[in-house]
């Protein structure tokens, strides 16, 4: 039951051109999305927090700077749960 009800976790990764066509990037935020689609996102520096309608909205927030794109990277699924 716990695995079935657990929210999915993801990172928001920003990517930009570091020069000479070489990409660079960073984890800009961490988020969770619940079964109903409600999404909570916290910036990696802990300064900003958002409640959004979907994880994809986070890519808009973190991809607004010129030359920066943002994408969602999902963390491992519930089949990797370890119990203590």
PDB file of N, CA and C in Angstrom:
ATOM      1  N   UNK A   1       0.826  -1.181   0.000  1.00  0.00           N
ATOM      2  CA  UNK A   1       0.000   0.000   0.000  1.00  0.00           C
ATOM      3  C   UNK A   1       0.879   1.257   0.000  1.00  0.00           C
ATOM      4  N   UNK A   2       1.928   1.262   0.784  1.00  0.00           N
ATOM      5  CA  UNK A   2       2.791   2.437   0.861  1.00  0.00           C
ATOM      6  C   UNK A   2       3.412   2.741  -0.496  1.00  0.00           C
ATOM      7  N   UNK A   3       3.897   1.723  -1.156  1.00  0.00           N
ATOM      8  CA  UNK A   3       4.516   1.917  -2.474  1.00  0.00           C
ATOM      9  C   UNK A   3       3.483   2.424  -3.470  1.00  0.00           C
ATOM     10  N   UNK A   4       2.281   1.891  -3.434  1.00  0.00           N
ATOM     11  CA  UNK A   4       1.240   2.302  -4.375  1.00  0.00           C
ATOM     12  C   UNK A   4       0.816   3.755  -4.177  1.00  0.00           C
ATOM     13  N   UNK A   5       0.852   4.235  -2.936  1.00  0.00           N
ATOM     14  CA  UNK A   5       0.385   5.588  -2.634  1.00  0.00           C
ATOM     15  C   UNK A   5       1.495   6.636  -2.600  1.00  0.00           C
ATOM     16  N   UNK A   6       2.729   6.211  -2.688  1.00  0.00           N
ATOM     17  CA  UNK A   6       3.854   7.154  -2.592  1.00  0.00           C
ATOM     18  C   UNK A   6       3.868   8.123  -3.767  1.00  0.00           C
ATOM     19  N   UNK A   7       4.148   9.402  -3.496  1.00  0.00           N
ATOM     20  CA  UNK A   7       4.282  10.355  -4.605  1.00  0.00           C
ATOM     21  C   UNK A   7       5.545  10.058  -5.404  1.00  0.00           C
ATOM     22  N   UNK A   8       5.533  10.420  -6.687  1.00  0.00           N
ATOM     23  CA  UNK A   8       6.715  10.245  -7.532  1.00  0.00           C
ATOM     24  C   UNK A   8       7.655  11.414  -7.303  1.00  0.00           C
ATOM     25  N   UNK A   9       8.934  11.129  -7.271  1.00  0.00           N
ATOM     26  CA  UNK A   9       9.944  12.161  -7.039  1.00  0.00           C
ATOM     27  C   UNK A   9      10.689  12.464  -8.338  1.00  0.00           C
ATOM     28  N   UNK A  10      11.095  13.729  -8.471  1.00  0.00           N
ATOM     29  CA  UNK A  10      11.819  14.123  -9.668  1.00  0.00           C
ATOM     30  C   UNK A  10      12.767  15.276  -9.364  1.00  0.00           C
ATOM     31  N   UNK A  11      13.686  15.488 -10.274  1.00  0.00           N
ATOM     32  CA  UNK A  11      14.566  16.654 -10.245  1.00  0.00           C
ATOM     33  C   UNK A  11      14.232  17.514 -11.452  1.00  0.00           C
ATOM     34  N   UNK A  12      14.407  18.810 -11.303  1.00  0.00           N
ATOM     35  CA  UNK A  12      14.329  19.728 -12.429  1.00  0.00           C
ATOM     36  C   UNK A  12      15.776  20.093 -12.761  1.00  0.00           C
ATOM     37  N   UNK A  13      16.211  19.741 -13.967  1.00  0.00           N
ATOM     38  CA  UNK A  13      17.592  19.964 -14.385  1.00  0.00           C
ATOM     39  C   UNK A  13      17.629  21.101 -15.400  1.00  0.00           C
ATOM     40  N   UNK A  14      18.470  22.092 -15.137  1.00  0.00           N
ATOM     41  CA  UNK A  14      18.684  23.180 -16.082  1.00  0.00           C
ATOM     42  C   UNK A  14      19.904  22.853 -16.935  1.00  0.00           C
ATOM     43  N   UNK A  15      19.808  23.164 -18.231  1.00  0.00           N
ATOM     44  CA  UNK A  15      20.905  22.914 -19.169  1.00  0.00           C
ATOM     45  C   UNK A  15      21.128  24.174 -19.994  1.00  0.00           C
ATOM     46  N   UNK A  16      22.394  24.490 -20.247  1.00  0.00           N
ATOM     47  CA  UNK A  16      22.759  25.637 -21.070  1.00  0.00           C
ATOM     48  C   UNK A  16      24.036  25.332 -21.836  1.00  0.00           C
ATOM     49  N   UNK A  17      24.322  26.144 -22.823  1.00  0.00           N
ATOM     50  CA  UNK A  17      25.534  25.993 -23.630  1.00  0.00           C
ATOM     51  C   UNK A  17      26.692  26.645 -22.886  1.00  0.00           C
ATOM     52  N   UNK A  18      27.713  25.853 -22.566  1.00  0.00           N
ATOM     53  CA  UNK A  18      28.877  26.348 -21.826  1.00  0.00           C
ATOM     54  C   UNK A  18      29.940  26.913 -22.754  1.00  0.00           C
ATOM     55  N   UNK A  19      29.690  26.888 -24.046  1.00  0.00           N
ATOM     56  CA  UNK A  19      30.659  27.394 -25.018  1.00  0.00           C
ATOM     57  C   UNK A  19      31.125  26.283 -25.925  1.00  0.00           C
ATOM     58  N   UNK A  20      31.358  26.632 -27.173  1.00  0.00           N
ATOM     59  CA  UNK A  20      31.797  25.681 -28.183  1.00  0.00           C
ATOM     60  C   UNK A  20      30.860  24.476 -28.302  1.00  0.00           C
ATOM     61  N   UNK A  21      29.572  24.712 -28.070  1.00  0.00           N
ATOM     62  CA  UNK A  21      28.582  23.660 -28.223  1.00  0.00           C
ATOM     63  C   UNK A  21      28.554  22.628 -27.113  1.00  0.00           C
ATOM     64  N   UNK A  22      29.318  22.849 -26.058  1.00  0.00           N
ATOM     65  CA  UNK A  22      29.348  21.911 -24.932  1.00  0.00           C
ATOM     66  C   UNK A  22      28.262  22.272 -23.925  1.00  0.00           C
ATOM     67  N   UNK A  23      27.398  21.316 -23.580  1.00  0.00           N
ATOM     68  CA  UNK A  23      26.349  21.605 -22.603  1.00  0.00           C
ATOM     69  C   UNK A  23      26.879  21.553 -21.174  1.00  0.00           C
ATOM     70  N   UNK A  24      26.235  22.310 -20.313  1.00  0.00           N
ATOM     71  CA  UNK A  24      26.495  22.265 -18.882  1.00  0.00           C
ATOM     72  C   UNK A  24      25.134  22.278 -18.207  1.00  0.00           C
ATOM     73  N   UNK A  25      25.084  21.947 -16.960  1.00  0.00           N
ATOM     74  CA  UNK A  25      23.800  21.930 -16.289  1.00  0.00           C
ATOM     75  C   UNK A  25      23.922  21.749 -14.796  1.00  0.00           C
ATOM     76  N   UNK A  26      22.761  21.795 -14.149  1.00  0.00           N
ATOM     77  CA  UNK A  26      22.712  21.607 -12.711  1.00  0.00           C
ATOM     78  C   UNK A  26      21.309  21.161 -12.316  1.00  0.00           C
ATOM     79  N   UNK A  27      21.204  20.592 -11.133  1.00  0.00           N
ATOM     80  CA  UNK A  27      19.893  20.308 -10.552  1.00  0.00           C
ATOM     81  C   UNK A  27      19.410  21.616  -9.948  1.00  0.00           C
ATOM     82  N   UNK A  28      18.322  22.141 -10.471  1.00  0.00           N
ATOM     83  CA  UNK A  28      17.794  23.426 -10.024  1.00  0.00           C
ATOM     84  C   UNK A  28      16.733  23.264  -8.944  1.00  0.00           C
ATOM     85  N   UNK A  29      16.051  22.106  -8.936  1.00  0.00           N
ATOM     86  CA  UNK A  29      14.963  21.919  -7.981  1.00  0.00           C
ATOM     87  C   UNK A  29      14.657  20.435  -7.803  1.00  0.00           C
ATOM     88  N   UNK A  30      13.952  20.163  -6.710  1.00  0.00           N
ATOM     89  CA  UNK A  30      13.461  18.816  -6.409  1.00  0.00           C
ATOM     90  C   UNK A  30      11.953  18.890  -6.267  1.00  0.00           C
ATOM     91  N   UNK A  31      11.262  17.840  -6.695  1.00  0.00           N
ATOM     92  CA  UNK A  31       9.811  17.875  -6.604  1.00  0.00           C
ATOM     93  C   UNK A  31       9.186  16.525  -6.352  1.00  0.00           C
ATOM     94  N   UNK A  32       7.923  16.594  -5.955  1.00  0.00           N
ATOM     95  CA  UNK A  32       7.096  15.400  -5.805  1.00  0.00           C
ATOM     96  C   UNK A  32       5.759  15.675  -6.476  1.00  0.00           C
ATOM     97  N   UNK A  33       5.213  14.645  -7.098  1.00  0.00           N
ATOM     98  CA  UNK A  33       3.888  14.765  -7.712  1.00  0.00           C
ATOM     99  C   UNK A  33       3.004  13.672  -7.122  1.00  0.00           C
ATOM    100  N   UNK A  34       1.818  14.087  -6.715  1.00  0.00           N
ATOM    101  CA  UNK A  34       0.865  13.183  -6.093  1.00  0.00           C
ATOM    102  C   UNK A  34      -0.075  12.588  -7.130  1.00  0.00           C
ATOM    103  N   UNK A  35      -0.808  11.589  -6.720  1.00  0.00           N
ATOM    104  CA  UNK A  35      -1.703  10.860  -7.623  1.00  0.00           C
ATOM    105  C   UNK A  35      -2.681  11.777  -8.345  1.00  0.00           C
ATOM    106  N   UNK A  36      -3.134  12.839  -7.677  1.00  0.00           N
ATOM    107  CA  UNK A  36      -4.093  13.759  -8.298  1.00  0.00           C
ATOM    108  C   UNK A  36      -3.428  14.793  -9.210  1.00  0.00           C
ATOM    109  N   UNK A  37      -2.097  14.719  -9.375  1.00  0.00           N
ATOM    110  CA  UNK A  37      -1.372  15.638 -10.248  1.00  0.00           C
ATOM    111  C   UNK A  37      -0.774  16.832  -9.525  1.00  0.00           C
ATOM    112  N   UNK A  38      -1.243  17.095  -8.304  1.00  0.00           N
ATOM    113  CA  UNK A  38      -0.697  18.208  -7.533  1.00  0.00           C
ATOM    114  C   UNK A  38       0.798  18.004  -7.358  1.00  0.00           C
ATOM    115  N   UNK A  39       1.554  19.065  -7.563  1.00  0.00           N
ATOM    116  CA  UNK A  39       3.011  18.979  -7.593  1.00  0.00           C
ATOM    117  C   UNK A  39       3.608  20.020  -6.653  1.00  0.00           C
ATOM    118  N   UNK A  40       4.548  19.588  -5.831  1.00  0.00           N
ATOM    119  CA  UNK A  40       5.281  20.498  -4.955  1.00  0.00           C
ATOM    120  C   UNK A  40       6.742  20.496  -5.384  1.00  0.00           C
ATOM    121  N   UNK A  41       7.304  21.688  -5.532  1.00  0.00           N
ATOM    122  CA  UNK A  41       8.676  21.832  -6.008  1.00  0.00           C
ATOM    123  C   UNK A  41       9.416  22.792  -5.086  1.00  0.00           C
ATOM    124  N   UNK A  42      10.646  22.423  -4.730  1.00  0.00           N
ATOM    125  CA  UNK A  42      11.527  23.299  -3.949  1.00  0.00           C
ATOM    126  C   UNK A  42      12.811  23.509  -4.731  1.00  0.00           C
ATOM    127  N   UNK A  43      13.236  24.768  -4.843  1.00  0.00           N
ATOM    128  CA  UNK A  43      14.498  25.028  -5.524  1.00  0.00           C
ATOM    129  C   UNK A  43      15.627  24.356  -4.752  1.00  0.00           C
ATOM    130  N   UNK A  44      16.665  23.975  -5.451  1.00  0.00           N
ATOM    131  CA  UNK A  44      17.777  23.256  -4.826  1.00  0.00           C
ATOM    132  C   UNK A  44      18.446  24.076  -3.730  1.00  0.00           C
ATOM    133  N   UNK A  45      18.395  25.390  -3.845  1.00  0.00           N
ATOM    134  CA  UNK A  45      18.995  26.240  -2.812  1.00  0.00           C
ATOM    135  C   UNK A  45      18.052  26.486  -1.636  1.00  0.00           C
ATOM    136  N   UNK A  46      16.819  25.961  -1.718  1.00  0.00           N
ATOM    137  CA  UNK A  46      15.855  26.094  -0.630  1.00  0.00           C
ATOM    138  C   UNK A  46      15.172  27.443  -0.531  1.00  0.00           C
ATOM    139  N   UNK A  47      15.419  28.340  -1.469  1.00  0.00           N
ATOM    140  CA  UNK A  47      14.862  29.690  -1.407  1.00  0.00           C
ATOM    141  C   UNK A  47      13.406  29.730  -1.885  1.00  0.00           C
ATOM    142  N   UNK A  48      13.079  28.997  -2.940  1.00  0.00           N
ATOM    143  CA  UNK A  48      11.743  29.064  -3.544  1.00  0.00           C
ATOM    144  C   UNK A  48      11.003  27.745  -3.412  1.00  0.00           C
ATOM    145  N   UNK A  49       9.688  27.865  -3.210  1.00  0.00           N
ATOM    146  CA  UNK A  49       8.809  26.690  -3.174  1.00  0.00           C
ATOM    147  C   UNK A  49       7.570  26.989  -3.995  1.00  0.00           C
ATOM    148  N   UNK A  50       7.119  25.975  -4.714  1.00  0.00           N
ATOM    149  CA  UNK A  50       5.969  26.137  -5.595  1.00  0.00           C
ATOM    150  C   UNK A  50       4.987  24.989  -5.389  1.00  0.00           C
ATOM    151  N   UNK A  51       3.712  25.289  -5.534  1.00  0.00           N
ATOM    152  CA  UNK A  51       2.676  24.265  -5.662  1.00  0.00           C
ATOM    153  C   UNK A  51       2.108  24.468  -7.056  1.00  0.00           C
ATOM    154  N   UNK A  52       2.254  23.450  -7.904  1.00  0.00           N
ATOM    155  CA  UNK A  52       1.907  23.562  -9.317  1.00  0.00           C
ATOM    156  C   UNK A  52       0.896  22.502  -9.710  1.00  0.00           C
ATOM    157  N   UNK A  53       0.282  22.680 -10.849  1.00  0.00           N
ATOM    158  CA  UNK A  53      -0.703  21.727 -11.347  1.00  0.00           C
ATOM    159  C   UNK A  53      -0.108  20.487 -11.980  1.00  0.00           C
ATOM    160  N   UNK A  54       1.181  20.551 -12.348  1.00  0.00           N
ATOM    161  CA  UNK A  54       1.837  19.403 -12.970  1.00  0.00           C
ATOM    162  C   UNK A  54       3.353  19.600 -12.879  1.00  0.00           C
ATOM    163  N   UNK A  55       4.116  18.513 -12.985  1.00  0.00           N
ATOM    164  CA  UNK A  55       5.570  18.637 -12.974  1.00  0.00           C
ATOM    165  C   UNK A  55       6.090  19.463 -14.156  1.00  0.00           C
ATOM    166  N   UNK A  56       5.406  19.391 -15.282  1.00  0.00           N
ATOM    167  CA  UNK A  56       5.842  20.113 -16.474  1.00  0.00           C
ATOM    168  C   UNK A  56       5.839  21.628 -16.260  1.00  0.00           C
ATOM    169  N   UNK A  57       4.989  22.122 -15.388  1.00  0.00           N
ATOM    170  CA  UNK A  57       4.984  23.564 -15.090  1.00  0.00           C
ATOM    171  C   UNK A  57       6.309  23.989 -14.467  1.00  0.00           C
ATOM    172  N   UNK A  58       6.981  23.094 -13.762  1.00  0.00           N
ATOM    173  CA  UNK A  58       8.273  23.417 -13.152  1.00  0.00           C
ATOM    174  C   UNK A  58       9.315  23.713 -14.229  1.00  0.00           C
ATOM    175  N   UNK A  59       9.202  23.048 -15.371  1.00  0.00           N
ATOM    176  CA  UNK A  59      10.165  23.324 -16.441  1.00  0.00           C
ATOM    177  C   UNK A  59      10.002  24.745 -16.961  1.00  0.00           C
ATOM    178  N   UNK A  60       8.788  25.270 -16.930  1.00  0.00           N
ATOM    179  CA  UNK A  60       8.566  26.651 -17.338  1.00  0.00           C
ATOM    180  C   UNK A  60       9.255  27.599 -16.360  1.00  0.00           C
ATOM    181  N   UNK A  61       9.054  27.391 -15.072  1.00  0.00           N
ATOM    182  CA  UNK A  61       9.649  28.266 -14.050  1.00  0.00           C
ATOM    183  C   UNK A  61      11.169  28.276 -14.126  1.00  0.00           C
ATOM    184  N   UNK A  62      11.758  27.113 -14.319  1.00  0.00           N
ATOM    185  CA  UNK A  62      13.216  27.009 -14.267  1.00  0.00           C
ATOM    186  C   UNK A  62      13.875  27.104 -15.650  1.00  0.00           C
ATOM    187  N   UNK A  63      13.083  27.238 -16.695  1.00  0.00           N
ATOM    188  CA  UNK A  63      13.633  27.373 -18.038  1.00  0.00           C
ATOM    189  C   UNK A  63      13.403  28.740 -18.640  1.00  0.00           C
ATOM    190  N   UNK A  64      13.117  29.739 -17.816  1.00  0.00           N
ATOM    191  CA  UNK A  64      12.776  31.073 -18.325  1.00  0.00           C
ATOM    192  C   UNK A  64      13.981  31.913 -18.697  1.00  0.00           C
ATOM    193  N   UNK A  65      15.134  31.651 -18.116  1.00  0.00           N
ATOM    194  CA  UNK A  65      16.312  32.473 -18.422  1.00  0.00           C
ATOM    195  C   UNK A  65      16.755  32.242 -19.863  1.00  0.00           C
ATOM    196  N   UNK A  66      17.250  33.291 -20.479  1.00  0.00           N
ATOM    197  CA  UNK A  66      17.700  33.194 -21.864  1.00  0.00           C
ATOM    198  C   UNK A  66      18.835  32.172 -21.983  1.00  0.00           C
ATOM    199  N   UNK A  67      18.707  31.273 -22.945  1.00  0.00           N
ATOM    200  CA  UNK A  67      19.728  30.267 -23.193  1.00  0.00           C
ATOM    201  C   UNK A  67      19.678  29.063 -22.267  1.00  0.00           C
ATOM    202  N   UNK A  68      18.673  29.009 -21.382  1.00  0.00           N
ATOM    203  CA  UNK A  68      18.546  27.902 -20.429  1.00  0.00           C
ATOM    204  C   UNK A  68      17.291  27.098 -20.756  1.00  0.00           C
ATOM    205  N   UNK A  69      17.434  25.791 -20.785  1.00  0.00           N
ATOM    206  CA  UNK A  69      16.272  24.919 -20.891  1.00  0.00           C
ATOM    207  C   UNK A  69      16.187  24.112 -19.605  1.00  0.00           C
ATOM    208  N   UNK A  70      15.008  23.630 -19.303  1.00  0.00           N
ATOM    209  CA  UNK A  70      14.809  22.814 -18.104  1.00  0.00           C
ATOM    210  C   UNK A  70      14.077  21.545 -18.502  1.00  0.00           C
ATOM    211  N   UNK A  71      14.407  20.479 -17.813  1.00  0.00           N
ATOM    212  CA  UNK A  71      13.736  19.198 -18.073  1.00  0.00           C
ATOM    213  C   UNK A  71      13.522  18.455 -16.765  1.00  0.00           C
ATOM    214  N   UNK A  72      12.580  17.537 -16.801  1.00  0.00           N
ATOM    215  CA  UNK A  72      12.268  16.693 -15.650  1.00  0.00           C
ATOM    216  C   UNK A  72      13.093  15.416 -15.749  1.00  0.00           C
ATOM    217  N   UNK A  73      13.700  15.022 -14.641  1.00  0.00           N
ATOM    218  CA  UNK A  73      14.390  13.736 -14.544  1.00  0.00           C
ATOM    219  C   UNK A  73      13.744  12.991 -13.373  1.00  0.00           C
ATOM    220  N   UNK A  74      13.074  11.888 -13.679  1.00  0.00           N
ATOM    221  CA  UNK A  74      12.374  11.103 -12.661  1.00  0.00           C
ATOM    222  C   UNK A  74      13.354  10.248 -11.882  1.00  0.00           C
ATOM    223  N   UNK A  75      13.173  10.199 -10.570  1.00  0.00           N
ATOM    224  CA  UNK A  75      13.970   9.317  -9.738  1.00  0.00           C
ATOM    225  C   UNK A  75      13.474   7.891  -9.909  1.00  0.00           C
ATOM    226  N   UNK A  76      14.246   6.950  -9.422  1.00  0.00           N
ATOM    227  CA  UNK A  76      13.924   5.530  -9.570  1.00  0.00           C
ATOM    228  C   UNK A  76      12.498   5.251  -9.069  1.00  0.00           C
ATOM    229  N   UNK A  77      11.842   4.322  -9.722  1.00  0.00           N
ATOM    230  CA  UNK A  77      10.479   3.958  -9.384  1.00  0.00           C
ATOM    231  C   UNK A  77      10.378   3.187  -8.083  1.00  0.00           C
ATOM    232  N   UNK A  78       9.154   2.881  -7.683  1.00  0.00           N
ATOM    233  CA  UNK A  78       8.927   2.213  -6.400  1.00  0.00           C
ATOM    234  C   UNK A  78       9.498   0.802  -6.326  1.00  0.00           C
ATOM    235  N   UNK A  79       9.867   0.209  -7.461  1.00  0.00           N
ATOM    236  CA  UNK A  79      10.443  -1.129  -7.426  1.00  0.00           C
ATOM    237  C   UNK A  79      11.836  -1.127  -6.790  1.00  0.00           C
ATOM    238  N   UNK A  80      12.372   0.068  -6.499  1.00  0.00           N
ATOM    239  CA  UNK A  80      13.707   0.166  -5.893  1.00  0.00           C
ATOM    240  C   UNK A  80      13.619   0.536  -4.423  1.00  0.00           C
ATOM    241  N   UNK A  81      12.444   0.405  -3.827  1.00  0.00           N
ATOM    242  CA  UNK A  81      12.275   0.736  -2.420  1.00  0.00           C
ATOM    243  C   UNK A  81      13.042  -0.257  -1.559  1.00  0.00           C
ATOM    244  N   UNK A  82      13.747   0.279  -0.561  1.00  0.00           N
ATOM    245  CA  UNK A  82      14.505  -0.556   0.370  1.00  0.00           C
ATOM    246  C   UNK A  82      13.914  -0.350   1.753  1.00  0.00           C
ATOM    247  N   UNK A  83      13.670  -1.428   2.469  1.00  0.00           N
ATOM    248  CA  UNK A  83      13.149  -1.314   3.825  1.00  0.00           C
ATOM    249  C   UNK A  83      14.264  -1.534   4.819  1.00  0.00           C
ATOM    250  N   UNK A  84      14.168  -0.880   5.946  1.00  0.00           N
ATOM    251  CA  UNK A  84      15.206  -1.014   6.983  1.00  0.00           C
ATOM    252  C   UNK A  84      14.743  -1.921   8.100  1.00  0.00           C
TER     253      UNK A  84
END
